[in-house]
Amino acid sequence: DEKDLPDIIGIDASLMQRAIINVVSNAV
């Protein structure tokens, strides 16, 4: 589900992806 997202976001994409995938991996 997505809502009101900007086109650009200022992050470290690699690390943030890792953080989220860690959470998802636990959820799985």
mmCIF file of all heavy atoms, coordinates in Angstrom:
data_MODEL
# 
_entry.id   MODEL 
# 
loop_
_atom_site.group_PDB 
_atom_site.id 
_atom_site.type_symbol 
_atom_site.label_atom_id 
_atom_site.label_alt_id 
_atom_site.label_comp_id 
_atom_site.label_asym_id 
_atom_site.label_entity_id 
_atom_site.label_seq_id 
_atom_site.pdbx_PDB_ins_code 
_atom_site.Cartn_x 
_atom_site.Cartn_y 
_atom_site.Cartn_z 
_atom_site.occupancy 
_atom_site.B_iso_or_equiv 
_atom_site.pdbx_formal_charge 
_atom_site.auth_seq_id 
_atom_site.auth_comp_id 
_atom_site.auth_asym_id 
_atom_site.auth_atom_id 
_atom_site.pdbx_PDB_model_num 
ATOM 1   N N   . ASP A 1 1  ? 0.848  -1.189  0.000  1.00 0.00 ? 1  ASP A N   1 
ATOM 2   C CA  . ASP A 1 1  ? 0.000  0.000   0.000  1.00 0.00 ? 1  ASP A CA  1 
ATOM 3   C C   . ASP A 1 1  ? 0.885  1.241   0.000  1.00 0.00 ? 1  ASP A C   1 
ATOM 4   O O   . ASP A 1 1  ? 1.870  1.314   0.748  1.00 0.00 ? 1  ASP A O   1 
ATOM 5   C CB  . ASP A 1 1  ? -0.904 0.014   1.240  1.00 0.00 ? 1  ASP A CB  1 
ATOM 6   C CG  . ASP A 1 1  ? -1.841 1.211   1.252  1.00 0.00 ? 1  ASP A CG  1 
ATOM 7   O OD1 . ASP A 1 1  ? -2.691 1.302   0.352  1.00 0.00 ? 1  ASP A OD1 1 
ATOM 8   O OD2 . ASP A 1 1  ? -1.703 2.060   2.153  1.00 0.00 ? 1  ASP A OD2 1 
ATOM 9   N N   . GLU A 1 2  ? 0.567  2.212   -0.849 1.00 0.00 ? 2  GLU A N   1 
ATOM 10  C CA  . GLU A 1 2  ? 1.335  3.451   -0.948 1.00 0.00 ? 2  GLU A CA  1 
ATOM 11  C C   . GLU A 1 2  ? 0.402  4.656   -0.833 1.00 0.00 ? 2  GLU A C   1 
ATOM 12  O O   . GLU A 1 2  ? -0.735 4.600   -1.287 1.00 0.00 ? 2  GLU A O   1 
ATOM 13  C CB  . GLU A 1 2  ? 2.079  3.509   -2.295 1.00 0.00 ? 2  GLU A CB  1 
ATOM 14  C CG  . GLU A 1 2  ? 3.025  2.348   -2.533 1.00 0.00 ? 2  GLU A CG  1 
ATOM 15  C CD  . GLU A 1 2  ? 3.622  2.394   -3.929 1.00 0.00 ? 2  GLU A CD  1 
ATOM 16  O OE1 . GLU A 1 2  ? 3.323  3.356   -4.682 1.00 0.00 ? 2  GLU A OE1 1 
ATOM 17  O OE2 . GLU A 1 2  ? 4.383  1.468   -4.293 1.00 0.00 ? 2  GLU A OE2 1 
ATOM 18  N N   . LYS A 1 3  ? 0.924  5.725   -0.233 1.00 0.00 ? 3  LYS A N   1 
ATOM 19  C CA  . LYS A 1 3  ? 0.088  6.918   -0.068 1.00 0.00 ? 3  LYS A CA  1 
ATOM 20  C C   . LYS A 1 3  ? 0.947  8.185   -0.049 1.00 0.00 ? 3  LYS A C   1 
ATOM 21  O O   . LYS A 1 3  ? 1.896  8.293   0.752  1.00 0.00 ? 3  LYS A O   1 
ATOM 22  C CB  . LYS A 1 3  ? -0.720 6.822   1.230  1.00 0.00 ? 3  LYS A CB  1 
ATOM 23  C CG  . LYS A 1 3  ? -1.676 7.986   1.446  1.00 0.00 ? 3  LYS A CG  1 
ATOM 24  C CD  . LYS A 1 3  ? -2.450 7.818   2.747  1.00 0.00 ? 3  LYS A CD  1 
ATOM 25  C CE  . LYS A 1 3  ? -3.399 8.986   2.987  1.00 0.00 ? 3  LYS A CE  1 
ATOM 26  N NZ  . LYS A 1 3  ? -4.123 8.846   4.289  1.00 0.00 ? 3  LYS A NZ  1 
ATOM 27  N N   . ASP A 1 4  ? 0.602  9.117   -0.924 1.00 0.00 ? 4  ASP A N   1 
ATOM 28  C CA  . ASP A 1 4  ? 1.183  10.466  -0.940 1.00 0.00 ? 4  ASP A CA  1 
ATOM 29  C C   . ASP A 1 4  ? 2.710  10.463  -0.960 1.00 0.00 ? 4  ASP A C   1 
ATOM 30  O O   . ASP A 1 4  ? 3.361  11.201  -0.202 1.00 0.00 ? 4  ASP A O   1 
ATOM 31  C CB  . ASP A 1 4  ? 0.704  11.268  0.281  1.00 0.00 ? 4  ASP A CB  1 
ATOM 32  C CG  . ASP A 1 4  ? -0.801 11.422  0.312  1.00 0.00 ? 4  ASP A CG  1 
ATOM 33  O OD1 . ASP A 1 4  ? -1.411 11.492  -0.772 1.00 0.00 ? 4  ASP A OD1 1 
ATOM 34  O OD2 . ASP A 1 4  ? -1.370 11.459  1.424  1.00 0.00 ? 4  ASP A OD2 1 
ATOM 35  N N   . LEU A 1 5  ? 3.297  9.647   -1.815 1.00 0.00 ? 5  LEU A N   1 
ATOM 36  C CA  . LEU A 1 5  ? 4.752  9.524   -1.822 1.00 0.00 ? 5  LEU A CA  1 
ATOM 37  C C   . LEU A 1 5  ? 5.425  10.581  -2.687 1.00 0.00 ? 5  LEU A C   1 
ATOM 38  O O   . LEU A 1 5  ? 4.907  10.949  -3.750 1.00 0.00 ? 5  LEU A O   1 
ATOM 39  C CB  . LEU A 1 5  ? 5.157  8.135   -2.317 1.00 0.00 ? 5  LEU A CB  1 
ATOM 40  C CG  . LEU A 1 5  ? 4.670  6.960   -1.469 1.00 0.00 ? 5  LEU A CG  1 
ATOM 41  C CD1 . LEU A 1 5  ? 5.163  5.649   -2.064 1.00 0.00 ? 5  LEU A CD1 1 
ATOM 42  C CD2 . LEU A 1 5  ? 5.147  7.103   -0.032 1.00 0.00 ? 5  LEU A CD2 1 
ATOM 43  N N   . PRO A 1 6  ? 6.607  11.057  -2.249 1.00 0.00 ? 6  PRO A N   1 
ATOM 44  C CA  . PRO A 1 6  ? 7.362  12.015  -3.069 1.00 0.00 ? 6  PRO A CA  1 
ATOM 45  C C   . PRO A 1 6  ? 8.086  11.272  -4.189 1.00 0.00 ? 6  PRO A C   1 
ATOM 46  O O   . PRO A 1 6  ? 8.239  10.049  -4.144 1.00 0.00 ? 6  PRO A O   1 
ATOM 47  C CB  . PRO A 1 6  ? 8.363  12.602  -2.062 1.00 0.00 ? 6  PRO A CB  1 
ATOM 48  C CG  . PRO A 1 6  ? 8.604  11.470  -1.101 1.00 0.00 ? 6  PRO A CG  1 
ATOM 49  C CD  . PRO A 1 6  ? 7.274  10.775  -0.959 1.00 0.00 ? 6  PRO A CD  1 
ATOM 50  N N   . ASP A 1 7  ? 8.540  12.004  -5.186 1.00 0.00 ? 7  ASP A N   1 
ATOM 51  C CA  . ASP A 1 7  ? 9.288  11.385  -6.280 1.00 0.00 ? 7  ASP A CA  1 
ATOM 52  C C   . ASP A 1 7  ? 10.713 11.040  -5.856 1.00 0.00 ? 7  ASP A C   1 
ATOM 53  O O   . ASP A 1 7  ? 11.289 10.056  -6.310 1.00 0.00 ? 7  ASP A O   1 
ATOM 54  C CB  . ASP A 1 7  ? 9.345  12.328  -7.490 1.00 0.00 ? 7  ASP A CB  1 
ATOM 55  C CG  . ASP A 1 7  ? 7.967  12.551  -8.100 1.00 0.00 ? 7  ASP A CG  1 
ATOM 56  O OD1 . ASP A 1 7  ? 7.140  11.626  -8.034 1.00 0.00 ? 7  ASP A OD1 1 
ATOM 57  O OD2 . ASP A 1 7  ? 7.726  13.658  -8.635 1.00 0.00 ? 7  ASP A OD2 1 
ATOM 58  N N   . ILE A 1 8  ? 11.268 11.875  -4.947 1.00 0.00 ? 8  ILE A N   1 
ATOM 59  C CA  . ILE A 1 8  ? 12.657 11.712  -4.515 1.00 0.00 ? 8  ILE A CA  1 
ATOM 60  C C   . ILE A 1 8  ? 12.716 11.633  -2.990 1.00 0.00 ? 8  ILE A C   1 
ATOM 61  O O   . ILE A 1 8  ? 11.969 12.310  -2.283 1.00 0.00 ? 8  ILE A O   1 
ATOM 62  C CB  . ILE A 1 8  ? 13.526 12.902  -4.997 1.00 0.00 ? 8  ILE A CB  1 
ATOM 63  C CG1 . ILE A 1 8  ? 13.475 13.009  -6.523 1.00 0.00 ? 8  ILE A CG1 1 
ATOM 64  C CG2 . ILE A 1 8  ? 14.967 12.744  -4.516 1.00 0.00 ? 8  ILE A CG2 1 
ATOM 65  C CD1 . ILE A 1 8  ? 14.074 11.825  -7.259 1.00 0.00 ? 8  ILE A CD1 1 
ATOM 66  N N   . ILE A 1 9  ? 13.629 10.786  -2.493 1.00 0.00 ? 9  ILE A N   1 
ATOM 67  C CA  . ILE A 1 9  ? 13.838 10.681  -1.050 1.00 0.00 ? 9  ILE A CA  1 
ATOM 68  C C   . ILE A 1 9  ? 15.339 10.674  -0.769 1.00 0.00 ? 9  ILE A C   1 
ATOM 69  O O   . ILE A 1 9  ? 16.109 10.051  -1.504 1.00 0.00 ? 9  ILE A O   1 
ATOM 70  C CB  . ILE A 1 9  ? 13.178 9.393   -0.488 1.00 0.00 ? 9  ILE A CB  1 
ATOM 71  C CG1 . ILE A 1 9  ? 13.419 9.266   1.023  1.00 0.00 ? 9  ILE A CG1 1 
ATOM 72  C CG2 . ILE A 1 9  ? 13.665 8.156   -1.218 1.00 0.00 ? 9  ILE A CG2 1 
ATOM 73  C CD1 . ILE A 1 9  ? 12.683 8.104   1.656  1.00 0.00 ? 9  ILE A CD1 1 
ATOM 74  N N   . GLY A 1 10 ? 15.770 11.407  0.264  1.00 0.00 ? 10 GLY A N   1 
ATOM 75  C CA  . GLY A 1 10 ? 17.187 11.501  0.601  1.00 0.00 ? 10 GLY A CA  1 
ATOM 76  C C   . GLY A 1 10 ? 17.586 10.462  1.637  1.00 0.00 ? 10 GLY A C   1 
ATOM 77  O O   . GLY A 1 10 ? 17.333 10.645  2.834  1.00 0.00 ? 10 GLY A O   1 
ATOM 78  N N   . ILE A 1 11 ? 18.212 9.379   1.197  1.00 0.00 ? 11 ILE A N   1 
ATOM 79  C CA  . ILE A 1 11 ? 18.604 8.281   2.085  1.00 0.00 ? 11 ILE A CA  1 
ATOM 80  C C   . ILE A 1 11 ? 19.885 7.619   1.581  1.00 0.00 ? 11 ILE A C   1 
ATOM 81  O O   . ILE A 1 11 ? 20.347 7.900   0.481  1.00 0.00 ? 11 ILE A O   1 
ATOM 82  C CB  . ILE A 1 11 ? 17.511 7.188   2.170  1.00 0.00 ? 11 ILE A CB  1 
ATOM 83  C CG1 . ILE A 1 11 ? 17.178 6.677   0.755  1.00 0.00 ? 11 ILE A CG1 1 
ATOM 84  C CG2 . ILE A 1 11 ? 16.275 7.678   2.880  1.00 0.00 ? 11 ILE A CG2 1 
ATOM 85  C CD1 . ILE A 1 11 ? 16.261 5.467   0.737  1.00 0.00 ? 11 ILE A CD1 1 
ATOM 86  N N   . ASP A 1 12 ? 20.429 6.745   2.393  1.00 0.00 ? 12 ASP A N   1 
ATOM 87  C CA  . ASP A 1 12 ? 21.429 5.793   1.917  1.00 0.00 ? 12 ASP A CA  1 
ATOM 88  C C   . ASP A 1 12 ? 20.622 4.584   1.482  1.00 0.00 ? 12 ASP A C   1 
ATOM 89  O O   . ASP A 1 12 ? 20.178 3.792   2.318  1.00 0.00 ? 12 ASP A O   1 
ATOM 90  C CB  . ASP A 1 12 ? 22.412 5.430   3.042  1.00 0.00 ? 12 ASP A CB  1 
ATOM 91  C CG  . ASP A 1 12 ? 23.527 4.507   2.574  1.00 0.00 ? 12 ASP A CG  1 
ATOM 92  O OD1 . ASP A 1 12 ? 23.224 3.518   1.871  1.00 0.00 ? 12 ASP A OD1 1 
ATOM 93  O OD2 . ASP A 1 12 ? 24.690 4.751   2.929  1.00 0.00 ? 12 ASP A OD2 1 
ATOM 94  N N   . ALA A 1 13 ? 20.399 4.448   0.197  1.00 0.00 ? 13 ALA A N   1 
ATOM 95  C CA  . ALA A 1 13 ? 19.479 3.442   -0.330 1.00 0.00 ? 13 ALA A CA  1 
ATOM 96  C C   . ALA A 1 13 ? 19.874 2.023   0.071  1.00 0.00 ? 13 ALA A C   1 
ATOM 97  O O   . ALA A 1 13 ? 19.028 1.210   0.440  1.00 0.00 ? 13 ALA A O   1 
ATOM 98  C CB  . ALA A 1 13 ? 19.391 3.546   -1.847 1.00 0.00 ? 13 ALA A CB  1 
ATOM 99  N N   . SER A 1 14 ? 21.158 1.713   0.017  1.00 0.00 ? 14 SER A N   1 
ATOM 100 C CA  . SER A 1 14 ? 21.632 0.371   0.334  1.00 0.00 ? 14 SER A CA  1 
ATOM 101 C C   . SER A 1 14 ? 21.366 0.005   1.791  1.00 0.00 ? 14 SER A C   1 
ATOM 102 O O   . SER A 1 14 ? 20.843 -1.072  2.099  1.00 0.00 ? 14 SER A O   1 
ATOM 103 C CB  . SER A 1 14 ? 23.124 0.254   0.024  1.00 0.00 ? 14 SER A CB  1 
ATOM 104 O OG  . SER A 1 14 ? 23.601 -1.037  0.363  1.00 0.00 ? 14 SER A OG  1 
ATOM 105 N N   . LEU A 1 15 ? 21.719 0.925   2.694  1.00 0.00 ? 15 LEU A N   1 
ATOM 106 C CA  . LEU A 1 15 ? 21.524 0.653   4.124  1.00 0.00 ? 15 LEU A CA  1 
ATOM 107 C C   . LEU A 1 15 ? 20.039 0.638   4.501  1.00 0.00 ? 15 LEU A C   1 
ATOM 108 O O   . LEU A 1 15 ? 19.597 -0.209  5.277  1.00 0.00 ? 15 LEU A O   1 
ATOM 109 C CB  . LEU A 1 15 ? 22.271 1.685   4.970  1.00 0.00 ? 15 LEU A CB  1 
ATOM 110 C CG  . LEU A 1 15 ? 23.795 1.527   5.040  1.00 0.00 ? 15 LEU A CG  1 
ATOM 111 C CD1 . LEU A 1 15 ? 24.406 2.655   5.865  1.00 0.00 ? 15 LEU A CD1 1 
ATOM 112 C CD2 . LEU A 1 15 ? 24.173 0.173   5.637  1.00 0.00 ? 15 LEU A CD2 1 
ATOM 113 N N   . MET A 1 16 ? 19.270 1.587   3.951  1.00 0.00 ? 16 MET A N   1 
ATOM 114 C CA  . MET A 1 16 ? 17.852 1.621   4.290  1.00 0.00 ? 16 MET A CA  1 
ATOM 115 C C   . MET A 1 16 ? 17.137 0.381   3.771  1.00 0.00 ? 16 MET A C   1 
ATOM 116 O O   . MET A 1 16 ? 16.247 -0.169  4.432  1.00 0.00 ? 16 MET A O   1 
ATOM 117 C CB  . MET A 1 16 ? 17.210 2.892   3.731  1.00 0.00 ? 16 MET A CB  1 
ATOM 118 C CG  . MET A 1 16 ? 15.751 3.076   4.141  1.00 0.00 ? 16 MET A CG  1 
ATOM 119 S SD  . MET A 1 16 ? 15.476 2.985   5.951  1.00 0.00 ? 16 MET A SD  1 
ATOM 120 C CE  . MET A 1 16 ? 16.461 4.375   6.507  1.00 0.00 ? 16 MET A CE  1 
ATOM 121 N N   . GLN A 1 17 ? 17.536 -0.065  2.595  1.00 0.00 ? 17 GLN A N   1 
ATOM 122 C CA  . GLN A 1 17 ? 16.968 -1.294  2.055  1.00 0.00 ? 17 GLN A CA  1 
ATOM 123 C C   . GLN A 1 17 ? 17.296 -2.472  2.975  1.00 0.00 ? 17 GLN A C   1 
ATOM 124 O O   . GLN A 1 17 ? 16.447 -3.315  3.241  1.00 0.00 ? 17 GLN A O   1 
ATOM 125 C CB  . GLN A 1 17 ? 17.519 -1.546  0.653  1.00 0.00 ? 17 GLN A CB  1 
ATOM 126 C CG  . GLN A 1 17 ? 16.876 -2.728  -0.057 1.00 0.00 ? 17 GLN A CG  1 
ATOM 127 C CD  . GLN A 1 17 ? 17.383 -2.873  -1.486 1.00 0.00 ? 17 GLN A CD  1 
ATOM 128 O OE1 . GLN A 1 17 ? 18.457 -3.420  -1.703 1.00 0.00 ? 17 GLN A OE1 1 
ATOM 129 N NE2 . GLN A 1 17 ? 16.633 -2.353  -2.442 1.00 0.00 ? 17 GLN A NE2 1 
ATOM 130 N N   . ARG A 1 18 ? 18.518 -2.485  3.464  1.00 0.00 ? 18 ARG A N   1 
ATOM 131 C CA  . ARG A 1 18 ? 18.908 -3.561  4.379  1.00 0.00 ? 18 ARG A CA  1 
ATOM 132 C C   . ARG A 1 18 ? 18.086 -3.526  5.657  1.00 0.00 ? 18 ARG A C   1 
ATOM 133 O O   . ARG A 1 18 ? 17.657 -4.563  6.163  1.00 0.00 ? 18 ARG A O   1 
ATOM 134 C CB  . ARG A 1 18 ? 20.394 -3.439  4.720  1.00 0.00 ? 18 ARG A CB  1 
ATOM 135 C CG  . ARG A 1 18 ? 20.874 -4.562  5.621  1.00 0.00 ? 18 ARG A CG  1 
ATOM 136 C CD  . ARG A 1 18 ? 22.332 -4.460  5.940  1.00 0.00 ? 18 ARG A CD  1 
ATOM 137 N NE  . ARG A 1 18 ? 22.727 -5.574  6.783  1.00 0.00 ? 18 ARG A NE  1 
ATOM 138 C CZ  . ARG A 1 18 ? 23.916 -5.696  7.341  1.00 0.00 ? 18 ARG A CZ  1 
ATOM 139 N NH1 . ARG A 1 18 ? 24.849 -4.788  7.127  1.00 0.00 ? 18 ARG A NH1 1 
ATOM 140 N NH2 . ARG A 1 18 ? 24.201 -6.718  8.119  1.00 0.00 ? 18 ARG A NH2 1 
ATOM 141 N N   . ALA A 1 19 ? 17.875 -2.338  6.211  1.00 0.00 ? 19 ALA A N   1 
ATOM 142 C CA  . ALA A 1 19 ? 17.085 -2.206  7.439  1.00 0.00 ? 19 ALA A CA  1 
ATOM 143 C C   . ALA A 1 19 ? 15.674 -2.743  7.238  1.00 0.00 ? 19 ALA A C   1 
ATOM 144 O O   . ALA A 1 19 ? 15.161 -3.518  8.059  1.00 0.00 ? 19 ALA A O   1 
ATOM 145 C CB  . ALA A 1 19 ? 17.044 -0.744  7.879  1.00 0.00 ? 19 ALA A CB  1 
ATOM 146 N N   . ILE A 1 20 ? 15.046 -2.351  6.137  1.00 0.00 ? 20 ILE A N   1 
ATOM 147 C CA  . ILE A 1 20 ? 13.672 -2.773  5.867  1.00 0.00 ? 20 ILE A CA  1 
ATOM 148 C C   . ILE A 1 20 ? 13.599 -4.273  5.604  1.00 0.00 ? 20 ILE A C   1 
ATOM 149 O O   . ILE A 1 20 ? 12.703 -4.966  6.105  1.00 0.00 ? 20 ILE A O   1 
ATOM 150 C CB  . ILE A 1 20 ? 13.083 -1.981  4.679  1.00 0.00 ? 20 ILE A CB  1 
ATOM 151 C CG1 . ILE A 1 20 ? 12.963 -0.495  5.058  1.00 0.00 ? 20 ILE A CG1 1 
ATOM 152 C CG2 . ILE A 1 20 ? 11.715 -2.536  4.277  1.00 0.00 ? 20 ILE A CG2 1 
ATOM 153 C CD1 . ILE A 1 20 ? 12.612 0.410   3.889  1.00 0.00 ? 20 ILE A CD1 1 
ATOM 154 N N   . ILE A 1 21 ? 14.556 -4.798  4.843  1.00 0.00 ? 21 ILE A N   1 
ATOM 155 C CA  . ILE A 1 21 ? 14.565 -6.231  4.544  1.00 0.00 ? 21 ILE A CA  1 
ATOM 156 C C   . ILE A 1 21 ? 14.805 -7.043  5.807  1.00 0.00 ? 21 ILE A C   1 
ATOM 157 O O   . ILE A 1 21 ? 14.259 -8.144  5.968  1.00 0.00 ? 21 ILE A O   1 
ATOM 158 C CB  . ILE A 1 21 ? 15.615 -6.558  3.466  1.00 0.00 ? 21 ILE A CB  1 
ATOM 159 C CG1 . ILE A 1 21 ? 15.145 -5.992  2.115  1.00 0.00 ? 21 ILE A CG1 1 
ATOM 160 C CG2 . ILE A 1 21 ? 15.840 -8.055  3.350  1.00 0.00 ? 21 ILE A CG2 1 
ATOM 161 C CD1 . ILE A 1 21 ? 13.793 -6.531  1.651  1.00 0.00 ? 21 ILE A CD1 1 
ATOM 162 N N   . ASN A 1 22 ? 15.616 -6.531  6.745  1.00 0.00 ? 22 ASN A N   1 
ATOM 163 C CA  . ASN A 1 22 ? 15.790 -7.212  8.033  1.00 0.00 ? 22 ASN A CA  1 
ATOM 164 C C   . ASN A 1 22 ? 14.453 -7.358  8.749  1.00 0.00 ? 22 ASN A C   1 
ATOM 165 O O   . ASN A 1 22 ? 14.132 -8.402  9.319  1.00 0.00 ? 22 ASN A O   1 
ATOM 166 C CB  . ASN A 1 22 ? 16.759 -6.428  8.924  1.00 0.00 ? 22 ASN A CB  1 
ATOM 167 C CG  . ASN A 1 22 ? 18.203 -6.808  8.699  1.00 0.00 ? 22 ASN A CG  1 
ATOM 168 O OD1 . ASN A 1 22 ? 18.522 -7.600  7.815  1.00 0.00 ? 22 ASN A OD1 1 
ATOM 169 N ND2 . ASN A 1 22 ? 19.090 -6.247  9.489  1.00 0.00 ? 22 ASN A ND2 1 
ATOM 170 N N   . VAL A 1 23 ? 13.669 -6.275  8.723  1.00 0.00 ? 23 VAL A N   1 
ATOM 171 C CA  . VAL A 1 23 ? 12.352 -6.298  9.368  1.00 0.00 ? 23 VAL A CA  1 
ATOM 172 C C   . VAL A 1 23 ? 11.426 -7.279  8.653  1.00 0.00 ? 23 VAL A C   1 
ATOM 173 O O   . VAL A 1 23 ? 10.737 -8.076  9.293  1.00 0.00 ? 23 VAL A O   1 
ATOM 174 C CB  . VAL A 1 23 ? 11.729 -4.876  9.368  1.00 0.00 ? 23 VAL A CB  1 
ATOM 175 C CG1 . VAL A 1 23 ? 10.292 -4.934  9.902  1.00 0.00 ? 23 VAL A CG1 1 
ATOM 176 C CG2 . VAL A 1 23 ? 12.567 -3.924  10.215 1.00 0.00 ? 23 VAL A CG2 1 
ATOM 177 N N   . VAL A 1 24 ? 11.423 -7.226  7.326  1.00 0.00 ? 24 VAL A N   1 
ATOM 178 C CA  . VAL A 1 24 ? 10.570 -8.125  6.546  1.00 0.00 ? 24 VAL A CA  1 
ATOM 179 C C   . VAL A 1 24 ? 10.977 -9.583  6.757  1.00 0.00 ? 24 VAL A C   1 
ATOM 180 O O   . VAL A 1 24 ? 10.125 -10.467 6.882  1.00 0.00 ? 24 VAL A O   1 
ATOM 181 C CB  . VAL A 1 24 ? 10.636 -7.773  5.043  1.00 0.00 ? 24 VAL A CB  1 
ATOM 182 C CG1 . VAL A 1 24 ? 9.895  -8.812  4.217  1.00 0.00 ? 24 VAL A CG1 1 
ATOM 183 C CG2 . VAL A 1 24 ? 10.049 -6.389  4.797  1.00 0.00 ? 24 VAL A CG2 1 
ATOM 184 N N   . SER A 1 25 ? 12.276 -9.826  6.806  1.00 0.00 ? 25 SER A N   1 
ATOM 185 C CA  . SER A 1 25 ? 12.770 -11.185 7.013  1.00 0.00 ? 25 SER A CA  1 
ATOM 186 C C   . SER A 1 25 ? 12.276 -11.752 8.338  1.00 0.00 ? 25 SER A C   1 
ATOM 187 O O   . SER A 1 25 ? 11.870 -12.917 8.430  1.00 0.00 ? 25 SER A O   1 
ATOM 188 C CB  . SER A 1 25 ? 14.301 -11.190 6.981  1.00 0.00 ? 25 SER A CB  1 
ATOM 189 O OG  . SER A 1 25 ? 14.801 -12.502 7.115  1.00 0.00 ? 25 SER A OG  1 
ATOM 190 N N   . ASN A 1 26 ? 12.282 -10.907 9.370  1.00 0.00 ? 26 ASN A N   1 
ATOM 191 C CA  . ASN A 1 26 ? 11.731 -11.336 10.661 1.00 0.00 ? 26 ASN A CA  1 
ATOM 192 C C   . ASN A 1 26 ? 10.241 -11.628 10.547 1.00 0.00 ? 26 ASN A C   1 
ATOM 193 O O   . ASN A 1 26 ? 9.745  -12.610 11.081 1.00 0.00 ? 26 ASN A O   1 
ATOM 194 C CB  . ASN A 1 26 ? 11.969 -10.248 11.720 1.00 0.00 ? 26 ASN A CB  1 
ATOM 195 C CG  . ASN A 1 26 ? 13.357 -10.307 12.323 1.00 0.00 ? 26 ASN A CG  1 
ATOM 196 O OD1 . ASN A 1 26 ? 13.669 -11.173 13.123 1.00 0.00 ? 26 ASN A OD1 1 
ATOM 197 N ND2 . ASN A 1 26 ? 14.201 -9.383  11.907 1.00 0.00 ? 26 ASN A ND2 1 
ATOM 198 N N   . ALA A 1 27 ? 9.536  -10.752 9.833  1.00 0.00 ? 27 ALA A N   1 
ATOM 199 C CA  . ALA A 1 27 ? 8.089  -10.928 9.664  1.00 0.00 ? 27 ALA A CA  1 
ATOM 200 C C   . ALA A 1 27 ? 7.779  -12.238 8.955  1.00 0.00 ? 27 ALA A C   1 
ATOM 201 O O   . ALA A 1 27 ? 6.834  -12.946 9.313  1.00 0.00 ? 27 ALA A O   1 
ATOM 202 C CB  . ALA A 1 27 ? 7.516  -9.753  8.874  1.00 0.00 ? 27 ALA A CB  1 
ATOM 203 N N   . VAL A 1 28 ? 8.585  -12.583 7.946  1.00 0.00 ? 28 VAL A N   1 
ATOM 204 C CA  . VAL A 1 28 ? 8.391  -13.845 7.225  1.00 0.00 ? 28 VAL A CA  1 
ATOM 205 C C   . VAL A 1 28 ? 8.634  -15.025 8.163  1.00 0.00 ? 28 VAL A C   1 
ATOM 206 O O   . VAL A 1 28 ? 7.861  -15.994 8.178  1.00 0.00 ? 28 VAL A O   1 
ATOM 207 C CB  . VAL A 1 28 ? 9.342  -13.928 6.005  1.00 0.00 ? 28 VAL A CB  1 
ATOM 208 C CG1 . VAL A 1 28 ? 9.325  -15.331 5.404  1.00 0.00 ? 28 VAL A CG1 1 
ATOM 209 C CG2 . VAL A 1 28 ? 8.938  -12.901 4.954  1.00 0.00 ? 28 VAL A CG2 1 
# 
